[in-house]
């Protein structure tokens, strides 16, 4: 209901998706109201959203890791990895049935720059551009050699892996454009 959360709460939504799948209720479909209440509690207790800025990855990792610890999941989280290892981390997490919070970071050094990354729909004859984004968190749910399947505000899109790496190299950086790395202990 809060306008700034609708505009800058994508990190809370991505974290809620992963927590619900891995630590909370993976076998239950939630109503919109139940999901909204869950996300609101996460935002108030662990994942604060700063109006006009959203949430940075380090604060996200701290709040997310605290959620994992309090729920005794046997998992831990931290922010970021080397750009060259990002897809191996995503592959490992997906193979362990852990969706991945992916950041399509802001432009750097001009945070208000307007360079954007394409997101695609899959059609019967390939992929077509659906939208573009920057300074946005999504949830990776699957990956192949070329594309990552992502959820953004509940809609399914595809991100070209090479275009993502090129976006990091030319328009962002690996601190802002990275992943929330989640590991099972042991």
N, C-alpha and C. Protein backbone atom coordinates (compact mmCIF):
# COMPACT_ATOMS: atom_id res chain seq x y z
N UNK A 1 0.81 -1.20 0.00
CA UNK A 1 0.00 0.00 0.00
C UNK A 1 0.85 1.26 0.00
N UNK A 2 2.05 1.19 0.54
CA UNK A 2 2.90 2.37 0.59
C UNK A 2 3.54 2.59 -0.78
N UNK A 3 3.41 3.81 -1.28
CA UNK A 3 3.90 4.11 -2.62
C UNK A 3 5.40 3.86 -2.75
N UNK A 4 6.20 4.25 -1.76
CA UNK A 4 7.64 4.05 -1.88
C UNK A 4 8.01 2.56 -1.89
N UNK A 5 7.22 1.72 -1.25
CA UNK A 5 7.49 0.28 -1.29
C UNK A 5 7.17 -0.27 -2.68
N UNK A 6 6.09 0.19 -3.27
CA UNK A 6 5.75 -0.22 -4.64
C UNK A 6 6.85 0.19 -5.61
N UNK A 7 7.48 1.31 -5.37
CA UNK A 7 8.52 1.80 -6.27
C UNK A 7 9.91 1.28 -5.97
N UNK A 8 10.17 0.96 -4.70
CA UNK A 8 11.54 0.62 -4.30
C UNK A 8 11.63 -0.64 -3.45
N UNK A 9 10.57 -1.43 -3.38
CA UNK A 9 10.54 -2.61 -2.52
C UNK A 9 10.85 -3.92 -3.21
N UNK A 10 11.46 -3.85 -4.40
CA UNK A 10 11.73 -5.08 -5.16
C UNK A 10 12.67 -6.02 -4.40
N UNK A 11 13.57 -5.49 -3.59
CA UNK A 11 14.47 -6.33 -2.80
C UNK A 11 13.72 -7.13 -1.75
N UNK A 12 12.73 -6.49 -1.13
CA UNK A 12 11.89 -7.20 -0.14
C UNK A 12 11.12 -8.32 -0.83
N UNK A 13 10.56 -8.03 -1.99
CA UNK A 13 9.80 -9.04 -2.74
C UNK A 13 10.69 -10.21 -3.13
N UNK A 14 11.88 -9.94 -3.64
CA UNK A 14 12.80 -11.01 -4.03
C UNK A 14 13.18 -11.86 -2.82
N UNK A 15 13.49 -11.21 -1.70
CA UNK A 15 13.84 -11.95 -0.48
C UNK A 15 12.65 -12.76 0.03
N UNK A 16 11.46 -12.18 0.00
CA UNK A 16 10.27 -12.91 0.44
C UNK A 16 10.06 -14.15 -0.41
N UNK A 17 10.26 -14.04 -1.72
CA UNK A 17 10.12 -15.20 -2.60
C UNK A 17 11.06 -16.32 -2.18
N UNK A 18 12.31 -15.98 -1.94
CA UNK A 18 13.31 -17.00 -1.58
C UNK A 18 13.02 -17.58 -0.20
N UNK A 19 12.73 -16.73 0.78
CA UNK A 19 12.44 -17.23 2.13
C UNK A 19 11.20 -18.12 2.16
N UNK A 20 10.17 -17.71 1.47
CA UNK A 20 8.96 -18.54 1.44
C UNK A 20 9.24 -19.89 0.80
N UNK A 21 10.06 -19.91 -0.21
CA UNK A 21 10.37 -21.17 -0.90
C UNK A 21 11.28 -22.08 -0.08
N UNK A 22 12.24 -21.50 0.61
CA UNK A 22 13.26 -22.33 1.27
C UNK A 22 13.02 -22.54 2.76
N UNK A 23 12.48 -21.53 3.44
CA UNK A 23 12.48 -21.58 4.90
C UNK A 23 11.10 -21.55 5.54
N UNK A 24 10.11 -21.16 4.81
CA UNK A 24 8.83 -20.93 5.45
C UNK A 24 7.77 -21.96 5.07
N UNK A 25 7.17 -21.78 3.92
CA UNK A 25 6.02 -22.59 3.54
C UNK A 25 6.12 -22.99 2.07
N UNK A 26 7.08 -23.84 1.72
CA UNK A 26 7.27 -24.14 0.30
C UNK A 26 6.11 -24.90 -0.34
N UNK A 27 5.25 -25.50 0.45
CA UNK A 27 4.18 -26.31 -0.11
C UNK A 27 2.82 -25.60 -0.09
N UNK A 28 2.78 -24.35 0.31
CA UNK A 28 1.50 -23.65 0.42
C UNK A 28 1.48 -22.43 -0.48
N UNK A 29 0.42 -22.32 -1.26
CA UNK A 29 0.20 -21.10 -2.03
C UNK A 29 -0.44 -20.07 -1.12
N UNK A 30 0.12 -18.87 -1.12
CA UNK A 30 -0.40 -17.81 -0.29
C UNK A 30 -1.34 -16.92 -1.09
N UNK A 31 -2.33 -16.38 -0.42
CA UNK A 31 -3.18 -15.38 -1.05
C UNK A 31 -2.35 -14.10 -1.17
N UNK A 32 -2.83 -13.18 -1.98
CA UNK A 32 -2.16 -11.89 -2.12
C UNK A 32 -2.06 -11.20 -0.77
N UNK A 33 -3.12 -11.27 0.02
CA UNK A 33 -3.12 -10.64 1.33
C UNK A 33 -2.08 -11.28 2.26
N UNK A 34 -2.01 -12.63 2.28
CA UNK A 34 -1.01 -13.31 3.12
C UNK A 34 0.41 -12.94 2.68
N UNK A 35 0.64 -12.92 1.38
CA UNK A 35 1.97 -12.57 0.86
C UNK A 35 2.33 -11.13 1.23
N UNK A 36 1.39 -10.22 1.04
CA UNK A 36 1.62 -8.81 1.36
C UNK A 36 1.93 -8.64 2.84
N UNK A 37 1.21 -9.32 3.71
CA UNK A 37 1.47 -9.24 5.15
C UNK A 37 2.85 -9.79 5.49
N UNK A 38 3.21 -10.92 4.86
CA UNK A 38 4.53 -11.50 5.09
C UNK A 38 5.63 -10.53 4.67
N UNK A 39 5.51 -9.97 3.47
CA UNK A 39 6.51 -9.02 2.98
C UNK A 39 6.57 -7.78 3.87
N UNK A 40 5.43 -7.32 4.35
CA UNK A 40 5.40 -6.15 5.24
C UNK A 40 6.17 -6.45 6.53
N UNK A 41 5.96 -7.63 7.10
CA UNK A 41 6.70 -8.00 8.32
C UNK A 41 8.20 -8.05 8.06
N UNK A 42 8.60 -8.63 6.94
CA UNK A 42 10.02 -8.67 6.60
C UNK A 42 10.59 -7.25 6.49
N UNK A 43 9.86 -6.37 5.83
CA UNK A 43 10.32 -5.00 5.65
C UNK A 43 10.46 -4.29 6.98
N UNK A 44 9.51 -4.48 7.87
CA UNK A 44 9.56 -3.80 9.18
C UNK A 44 10.64 -4.37 10.09
N UNK A 45 10.84 -5.67 10.07
CA UNK A 45 11.75 -6.31 11.02
C UNK A 45 13.18 -6.46 10.52
N UNK A 46 13.37 -6.76 9.22
CA UNK A 46 14.69 -7.18 8.75
C UNK A 46 15.20 -6.47 7.51
N UNK A 47 14.30 -6.02 6.64
CA UNK A 47 14.70 -5.54 5.33
C UNK A 47 14.14 -4.13 5.07
N UNK A 48 14.72 -3.12 5.70
CA UNK A 48 14.19 -1.77 5.55
C UNK A 48 14.38 -1.23 4.13
N UNK A 49 13.37 -0.54 3.66
CA UNK A 49 13.40 0.11 2.35
C UNK A 49 13.57 1.60 2.57
N UNK A 50 14.56 2.17 1.93
CA UNK A 50 14.82 3.60 2.04
C UNK A 50 14.12 4.29 0.87
N UNK A 51 13.18 5.19 1.14
CA UNK A 51 12.48 5.87 0.04
C UNK A 51 13.46 6.50 -0.95
N UNK A 52 13.16 6.34 -2.23
CA UNK A 52 13.96 6.83 -3.37
C UNK A 52 15.24 6.04 -3.62
N UNK A 53 15.62 5.13 -2.71
CA UNK A 53 16.85 4.36 -2.88
C UNK A 53 16.64 2.86 -2.84
N UNK A 54 15.65 2.37 -2.12
CA UNK A 54 15.45 0.94 -1.99
C UNK A 54 16.31 0.35 -0.89
N UNK A 55 17.08 -0.67 -1.25
CA UNK A 55 17.90 -1.38 -0.26
C UNK A 55 19.20 -1.81 -0.93
N UNK A 56 20.31 -1.65 -0.23
CA UNK A 56 21.55 -2.13 -0.83
C UNK A 56 21.77 -3.60 -0.46
N UNK A 57 22.63 -4.25 -1.22
CA UNK A 57 22.85 -5.68 -1.06
C UNK A 57 23.41 -6.09 0.29
N UNK A 58 24.27 -5.27 0.87
CA UNK A 58 24.88 -5.61 2.16
C UNK A 58 23.81 -5.62 3.26
N UNK A 59 22.96 -4.59 3.30
CA UNK A 59 21.88 -4.57 4.29
C UNK A 59 20.89 -5.70 4.05
N UNK A 60 20.64 -6.00 2.77
CA UNK A 60 19.77 -7.12 2.45
C UNK A 60 20.34 -8.42 3.02
N UNK A 61 21.63 -8.65 2.80
CA UNK A 61 22.25 -9.89 3.27
C UNK A 61 22.20 -10.00 4.79
N UNK A 62 22.42 -8.90 5.49
CA UNK A 62 22.38 -8.92 6.96
C UNK A 62 20.98 -9.31 7.43
N UNK A 63 19.95 -8.66 6.90
CA UNK A 63 18.58 -8.97 7.29
C UNK A 63 18.15 -10.37 6.89
N UNK A 64 18.52 -10.77 5.70
CA UNK A 64 18.16 -12.10 5.21
C UNK A 64 18.84 -13.18 6.05
N UNK A 65 20.13 -12.99 6.34
CA UNK A 65 20.86 -13.96 7.16
C UNK A 65 20.25 -14.05 8.56
N UNK A 66 19.83 -12.93 9.12
CA UNK A 66 19.18 -12.95 10.43
C UNK A 66 17.89 -13.77 10.38
N UNK A 67 17.11 -13.61 9.31
CA UNK A 67 15.89 -14.43 9.13
C UNK A 67 16.24 -15.91 9.12
N UNK A 68 17.27 -16.27 8.37
CA UNK A 68 17.68 -17.68 8.28
C UNK A 68 18.10 -18.21 9.64
N UNK A 69 18.87 -17.43 10.38
CA UNK A 69 19.34 -17.86 11.71
C UNK A 69 18.18 -18.04 12.69
N UNK A 70 17.27 -17.07 12.72
CA UNK A 70 16.15 -17.15 13.65
C UNK A 70 15.21 -18.30 13.34
N UNK A 71 15.17 -18.72 12.10
CA UNK A 71 14.31 -19.83 11.69
C UNK A 71 15.04 -21.17 11.74
N UNK A 72 16.30 -21.16 12.16
CA UNK A 72 17.11 -22.38 12.31
C UNK A 72 17.08 -23.22 11.03
N UNK A 73 17.35 -22.56 9.91
CA UNK A 73 17.28 -23.24 8.61
C UNK A 73 18.53 -24.04 8.28
N UNK A 74 19.61 -23.76 8.98
CA UNK A 74 20.88 -24.39 8.61
C UNK A 74 21.50 -23.74 7.38
N UNK A 75 21.03 -22.57 7.00
CA UNK A 75 21.57 -21.83 5.86
C UNK A 75 22.11 -20.49 6.33
N UNK A 76 23.04 -19.96 5.56
CA UNK A 76 23.60 -18.63 5.82
C UNK A 76 23.64 -17.87 4.51
N UNK A 77 23.67 -16.54 4.60
CA UNK A 77 23.67 -15.69 3.41
C UNK A 77 24.72 -14.59 3.53
N UNK A 78 25.26 -14.20 2.39
CA UNK A 78 26.12 -13.02 2.31
C UNK A 78 25.92 -12.38 0.94
N UNK A 79 26.33 -11.12 0.85
CA UNK A 79 26.14 -10.39 -0.40
C UNK A 79 27.35 -10.53 -1.31
N UNK A 80 27.09 -10.88 -2.56
CA UNK A 80 28.04 -10.75 -3.64
C UNK A 80 29.05 -11.86 -3.81
N UNK A 81 29.58 -11.87 -5.01
CA UNK A 81 30.63 -12.80 -5.39
C UNK A 81 31.39 -12.18 -6.56
N UNK A 82 32.48 -12.81 -6.93
CA UNK A 82 33.22 -12.32 -8.08
C UNK A 82 32.36 -12.49 -9.33
N UNK A 83 32.45 -11.53 -10.23
CA UNK A 83 31.65 -11.57 -11.46
C UNK A 83 31.88 -12.86 -12.23
N UNK A 84 33.12 -13.35 -12.25
CA UNK A 84 33.42 -14.57 -13.01
C UNK A 84 32.78 -15.82 -12.39
N UNK A 85 32.35 -15.74 -11.11
CA UNK A 85 31.76 -16.90 -10.43
C UNK A 85 30.24 -16.81 -10.28
N UNK A 86 29.65 -15.75 -10.78
CA UNK A 86 28.23 -15.52 -10.50
C UNK A 86 27.35 -16.66 -11.01
N UNK A 87 27.60 -17.15 -12.22
CA UNK A 87 26.73 -18.18 -12.77
C UNK A 87 26.96 -19.55 -12.13
N UNK A 88 28.18 -19.81 -11.65
CA UNK A 88 28.40 -21.08 -10.93
C UNK A 88 27.68 -21.04 -9.57
N UNK A 89 27.65 -19.88 -8.92
CA UNK A 89 26.89 -19.76 -7.67
C UNK A 89 25.40 -19.93 -7.93
N UNK A 90 24.90 -19.29 -8.98
CA UNK A 90 23.48 -19.43 -9.31
C UNK A 90 23.15 -20.89 -9.62
N UNK A 91 23.99 -21.54 -10.40
CA UNK A 91 23.76 -22.95 -10.75
C UNK A 91 23.73 -23.82 -9.50
N UNK A 92 24.68 -23.60 -8.58
CA UNK A 92 24.71 -24.39 -7.35
C UNK A 92 23.44 -24.17 -6.53
N UNK A 93 23.07 -22.92 -6.36
CA UNK A 93 21.88 -22.64 -5.54
C UNK A 93 20.63 -23.24 -6.16
N UNK A 94 20.46 -23.09 -7.46
CA UNK A 94 19.28 -23.66 -8.11
C UNK A 94 19.27 -25.18 -8.00
N UNK A 95 20.45 -25.81 -8.08
CA UNK A 95 20.51 -27.27 -7.95
C UNK A 95 20.15 -27.71 -6.53
N UNK A 96 20.31 -26.82 -5.55
CA UNK A 96 19.93 -27.09 -4.16
C UNK A 96 18.51 -26.59 -3.86
N UNK A 97 17.77 -26.23 -4.90
CA UNK A 97 16.39 -25.74 -4.79
C UNK A 97 16.30 -24.45 -3.98
N UNK A 98 17.28 -23.56 -4.22
CA UNK A 98 17.29 -22.24 -3.59
C UNK A 98 17.21 -21.20 -4.70
N UNK A 99 16.07 -20.53 -4.85
CA UNK A 99 16.00 -19.44 -5.84
C UNK A 99 17.03 -18.36 -5.47
N UNK A 100 17.39 -17.52 -6.43
CA UNK A 100 18.50 -16.59 -6.25
C UNK A 100 18.02 -15.14 -6.40
N UNK A 101 18.36 -14.31 -5.42
CA UNK A 101 18.12 -12.87 -5.54
C UNK A 101 19.25 -12.29 -6.38
N UNK A 102 18.89 -11.73 -7.53
CA UNK A 102 19.85 -11.14 -8.47
C UNK A 102 19.62 -9.64 -8.52
N UNK A 103 20.70 -8.89 -8.42
CA UNK A 103 20.61 -7.44 -8.54
C UNK A 103 21.05 -7.01 -9.93
N UNK A 104 20.20 -6.24 -10.58
CA UNK A 104 20.56 -5.51 -11.79
C UNK A 104 20.81 -4.10 -11.27
N UNK A 105 22.05 -3.84 -10.93
CA UNK A 105 22.39 -2.67 -10.15
C UNK A 105 22.17 -1.34 -10.85
N UNK A 106 22.34 -0.26 -10.09
CA UNK A 106 22.24 1.07 -10.67
C UNK A 106 23.44 1.34 -11.57
N UNK A 107 23.33 2.37 -12.36
CA UNK A 107 24.47 2.79 -13.17
C UNK A 107 25.57 3.29 -12.24
N UNK A 108 26.81 3.13 -12.68
CA UNK A 108 27.94 3.57 -11.88
C UNK A 108 28.98 4.16 -12.80
N UNK A 109 29.56 5.29 -12.51
CA UNK A 109 29.47 6.06 -11.27
C UNK A 109 28.27 7.01 -11.23
N UNK A 110 27.56 7.18 -12.32
CA UNK A 110 26.39 8.06 -12.34
C UNK A 110 25.17 7.26 -11.91
N UNK A 111 24.84 7.28 -10.62
CA UNK A 111 23.75 6.46 -10.09
C UNK A 111 22.41 6.75 -10.75
N UNK A 112 22.24 7.94 -11.28
CA UNK A 112 20.97 8.30 -11.91
C UNK A 112 21.06 8.23 -13.44
N UNK A 113 22.10 7.54 -13.94
CA UNK A 113 22.20 7.32 -15.38
C UNK A 113 21.03 6.46 -15.85
N UNK A 114 20.82 6.41 -17.16
CA UNK A 114 19.65 5.71 -17.67
C UNK A 114 19.99 4.52 -18.55
N UNK A 115 21.17 3.93 -18.40
CA UNK A 115 21.48 2.70 -19.12
C UNK A 115 20.70 1.58 -18.46
N UNK A 116 20.06 0.74 -19.29
CA UNK A 116 19.15 -0.28 -18.76
C UNK A 116 19.47 -1.64 -19.38
N UNK A 117 19.07 -2.69 -18.67
CA UNK A 117 19.23 -4.07 -19.13
C UNK A 117 17.90 -4.57 -19.67
N UNK A 118 17.96 -5.25 -20.81
CA UNK A 118 16.74 -5.80 -21.42
C UNK A 118 16.28 -7.05 -20.67
N UNK A 119 14.97 -7.18 -20.55
CA UNK A 119 14.35 -8.42 -20.07
C UNK A 119 13.39 -8.87 -21.16
N UNK A 120 13.28 -10.18 -21.33
CA UNK A 120 12.57 -10.74 -22.48
C UNK A 120 11.39 -11.62 -22.06
N UNK A 121 10.43 -11.76 -22.97
CA UNK A 121 9.41 -12.80 -22.92
C UNK A 121 9.89 -13.94 -23.80
N UNK A 122 9.53 -15.17 -23.46
CA UNK A 122 9.82 -16.30 -24.34
C UNK A 122 8.57 -16.56 -25.18
N UNK A 123 8.77 -16.67 -26.48
CA UNK A 123 7.67 -16.94 -27.39
C UNK A 123 7.92 -18.25 -28.11
N UNK A 124 6.97 -18.69 -28.92
CA UNK A 124 7.12 -19.95 -29.64
C UNK A 124 8.27 -19.91 -30.64
N UNK A 125 8.66 -18.72 -31.08
CA UNK A 125 9.76 -18.63 -32.04
C UNK A 125 10.97 -17.88 -31.48
N UNK A 126 11.17 -17.92 -30.18
CA UNK A 126 12.35 -17.32 -29.59
C UNK A 126 12.02 -16.39 -28.44
N UNK A 127 12.82 -15.35 -28.32
CA UNK A 127 12.67 -14.38 -27.24
C UNK A 127 12.44 -13.00 -27.85
N UNK A 128 11.56 -12.23 -27.23
CA UNK A 128 11.37 -10.85 -27.67
C UNK A 128 11.44 -9.94 -26.46
N UNK A 129 11.96 -8.75 -26.70
CA UNK A 129 12.13 -7.80 -25.61
C UNK A 129 10.78 -7.44 -24.99
N UNK A 130 10.73 -7.48 -23.67
CA UNK A 130 9.50 -7.16 -22.94
C UNK A 130 9.62 -5.81 -22.24
N UNK A 131 10.76 -5.57 -21.62
CA UNK A 131 10.96 -4.34 -20.86
C UNK A 131 12.45 -4.15 -20.62
N UNK A 132 12.81 -3.08 -19.98
CA UNK A 132 14.19 -2.84 -19.56
C UNK A 132 14.17 -2.41 -18.10
N UNK A 133 15.32 -2.55 -17.45
CA UNK A 133 15.38 -2.20 -16.03
C UNK A 133 16.80 -1.83 -15.62
N UNK A 134 16.88 -1.18 -14.49
CA UNK A 134 18.14 -0.90 -13.81
C UNK A 134 17.80 -0.66 -12.35
N UNK A 135 18.77 -0.82 -11.46
CA UNK A 135 18.55 -0.62 -10.03
C UNK A 135 17.35 -1.43 -9.57
N UNK A 136 17.39 -2.73 -9.83
CA UNK A 136 16.23 -3.59 -9.59
C UNK A 136 16.69 -4.98 -9.15
N UNK A 137 15.96 -5.56 -8.19
CA UNK A 137 16.18 -6.94 -7.77
C UNK A 137 15.13 -7.84 -8.40
N UNK A 138 15.56 -9.02 -8.83
CA UNK A 138 14.66 -10.04 -9.36
C UNK A 138 15.02 -11.36 -8.70
N UNK A 139 14.17 -12.37 -8.89
CA UNK A 139 14.43 -13.70 -8.35
C UNK A 139 14.70 -14.65 -9.51
N UNK A 140 15.88 -15.27 -9.53
CA UNK A 140 16.22 -16.23 -10.57
C UNK A 140 15.62 -17.58 -10.17
N UNK A 141 14.83 -18.16 -11.07
CA UNK A 141 14.17 -19.44 -10.79
C UNK A 141 14.68 -20.58 -11.65
N UNK A 142 15.37 -20.27 -12.74
CA UNK A 142 15.95 -21.30 -13.62
C UNK A 142 17.02 -20.64 -14.48
N UNK A 143 17.88 -21.47 -15.07
CA UNK A 143 18.95 -20.94 -15.90
C UNK A 143 19.38 -22.00 -16.90
N UNK A 144 19.68 -21.57 -18.12
CA UNK A 144 20.29 -22.46 -19.10
C UNK A 144 21.59 -21.81 -19.58
N UNK A 145 22.11 -22.24 -20.71
CA UNK A 145 23.40 -21.72 -21.18
C UNK A 145 23.33 -20.25 -21.58
N UNK A 146 22.15 -19.77 -21.98
CA UNK A 146 22.03 -18.41 -22.51
C UNK A 146 21.21 -17.48 -21.61
N UNK A 147 20.14 -17.98 -21.01
CA UNK A 147 19.21 -17.13 -20.29
C UNK A 147 19.02 -17.54 -18.83
N UNK A 148 18.70 -16.53 -18.01
CA UNK A 148 18.21 -16.76 -16.66
C UNK A 148 16.71 -16.47 -16.69
N UNK A 149 15.91 -17.39 -16.15
CA UNK A 149 14.49 -17.14 -15.98
C UNK A 149 14.34 -16.41 -14.65
N UNK A 150 13.65 -15.27 -14.68
CA UNK A 150 13.52 -14.46 -13.47
C UNK A 150 12.07 -14.09 -13.21
N UNK A 151 11.79 -13.83 -11.94
CA UNK A 151 10.51 -13.29 -11.53
C UNK A 151 10.75 -11.85 -11.09
N UNK A 152 9.97 -10.93 -11.67
CA UNK A 152 10.05 -9.52 -11.32
C UNK A 152 8.65 -9.04 -10.99
N UNK A 153 8.40 -8.72 -9.74
CA UNK A 153 7.08 -8.30 -9.29
C UNK A 153 6.02 -9.33 -9.70
N UNK A 154 6.38 -10.61 -9.65
CA UNK A 154 5.43 -11.68 -9.94
C UNK A 154 5.28 -12.03 -11.40
N UNK A 155 6.01 -11.37 -12.28
CA UNK A 155 5.93 -11.68 -13.71
C UNK A 155 7.20 -12.40 -14.16
N UNK A 156 7.04 -13.34 -15.09
CA UNK A 156 8.18 -14.11 -15.58
C UNK A 156 8.83 -13.42 -16.78
N UNK A 157 10.15 -13.28 -16.69
CA UNK A 157 10.96 -12.71 -17.77
C UNK A 157 12.21 -13.57 -17.93
N UNK A 158 13.00 -13.22 -18.94
CA UNK A 158 14.28 -13.87 -19.18
C UNK A 158 15.33 -12.80 -19.36
N UNK A 159 16.50 -13.04 -18.75
CA UNK A 159 17.64 -12.14 -18.85
C UNK A 159 18.75 -12.89 -19.56
N UNK A 160 19.28 -12.29 -20.61
CA UNK A 160 20.41 -12.88 -21.33
C UNK A 160 21.66 -12.74 -20.47
N UNK A 161 22.33 -13.85 -20.22
CA UNK A 161 23.48 -13.86 -19.32
C UNK A 161 24.62 -12.98 -19.84
N UNK A 162 24.91 -13.04 -21.14
CA UNK A 162 25.98 -12.21 -21.70
C UNK A 162 25.63 -10.73 -21.63
N UNK A 163 24.37 -10.39 -21.88
CA UNK A 163 23.95 -9.00 -21.77
C UNK A 163 24.06 -8.51 -20.32
N UNK A 164 23.77 -9.39 -19.37
CA UNK A 164 23.91 -9.03 -17.96
C UNK A 164 25.37 -8.71 -17.63
N UNK A 165 26.29 -9.58 -18.05
CA UNK A 165 27.72 -9.34 -17.80
C UNK A 165 28.19 -8.06 -18.47
N UNK A 166 27.72 -7.81 -19.68
CA UNK A 166 28.08 -6.60 -20.40
C UNK A 166 27.53 -5.36 -19.69
N UNK A 167 26.32 -5.46 -19.16
CA UNK A 167 25.74 -4.36 -18.39
C UNK A 167 26.61 -4.04 -17.18
N UNK A 168 27.04 -5.07 -16.46
CA UNK A 168 27.92 -4.85 -15.29
C UNK A 168 29.19 -4.14 -15.73
N UNK A 169 29.80 -4.64 -16.79
CA UNK A 169 31.09 -4.11 -17.26
C UNK A 169 30.98 -2.66 -17.73
N UNK A 170 29.93 -2.34 -18.49
CA UNK A 170 29.84 -1.00 -19.10
C UNK A 170 29.08 0.02 -18.28
N UNK A 171 28.08 -0.43 -17.51
CA UNK A 171 27.17 0.54 -16.92
C UNK A 171 27.00 0.45 -15.41
N UNK A 172 27.47 -0.61 -14.77
CA UNK A 172 27.30 -0.77 -13.32
C UNK A 172 28.63 -1.22 -12.74
N UNK A 173 28.60 -2.07 -11.73
CA UNK A 173 29.81 -2.72 -11.23
C UNK A 173 29.40 -3.98 -10.46
N UNK A 174 30.38 -4.81 -10.16
CA UNK A 174 30.10 -6.13 -9.56
C UNK A 174 29.70 -6.04 -8.09
N UNK A 175 29.85 -4.91 -7.44
CA UNK A 175 29.35 -4.77 -6.08
C UNK A 175 27.85 -4.54 -6.09
N UNK A 176 27.39 -3.70 -7.00
CA UNK A 176 25.96 -3.40 -7.09
C UNK A 176 25.19 -4.46 -7.86
N UNK A 177 25.77 -5.00 -8.91
CA UNK A 177 25.11 -6.01 -9.75
C UNK A 177 25.70 -7.36 -9.40
N UNK A 178 25.03 -8.06 -8.51
CA UNK A 178 25.53 -9.33 -8.02
C UNK A 178 24.36 -10.15 -7.51
N UNK A 179 24.66 -11.09 -6.60
CA UNK A 179 23.61 -11.96 -6.05
C UNK A 179 23.73 -12.06 -4.53
N UNK A 180 22.62 -12.47 -3.94
CA UNK A 180 22.60 -12.84 -2.53
C UNK A 180 22.99 -14.32 -2.50
N UNK A 181 24.18 -14.61 -2.01
CA UNK A 181 24.69 -15.98 -1.98
C UNK A 181 24.16 -16.67 -0.73
N UNK A 182 23.45 -17.78 -0.92
CA UNK A 182 22.91 -18.54 0.20
C UNK A 182 23.55 -19.92 0.17
N UNK A 183 24.04 -20.36 1.33
CA UNK A 183 24.69 -21.67 1.45
C UNK A 183 24.05 -22.46 2.57
N UNK A 184 23.95 -23.76 2.34
CA UNK A 184 23.54 -24.66 3.42
C UNK A 184 24.77 -24.96 4.24
N UNK A 185 24.64 -24.93 5.56
CA UNK A 185 25.77 -25.22 6.44
C UNK A 185 26.15 -26.68 6.32
N UNK A 186 27.46 -26.93 6.50
CA UNK A 186 27.92 -28.31 6.56
C UNK A 186 28.44 -28.86 5.36
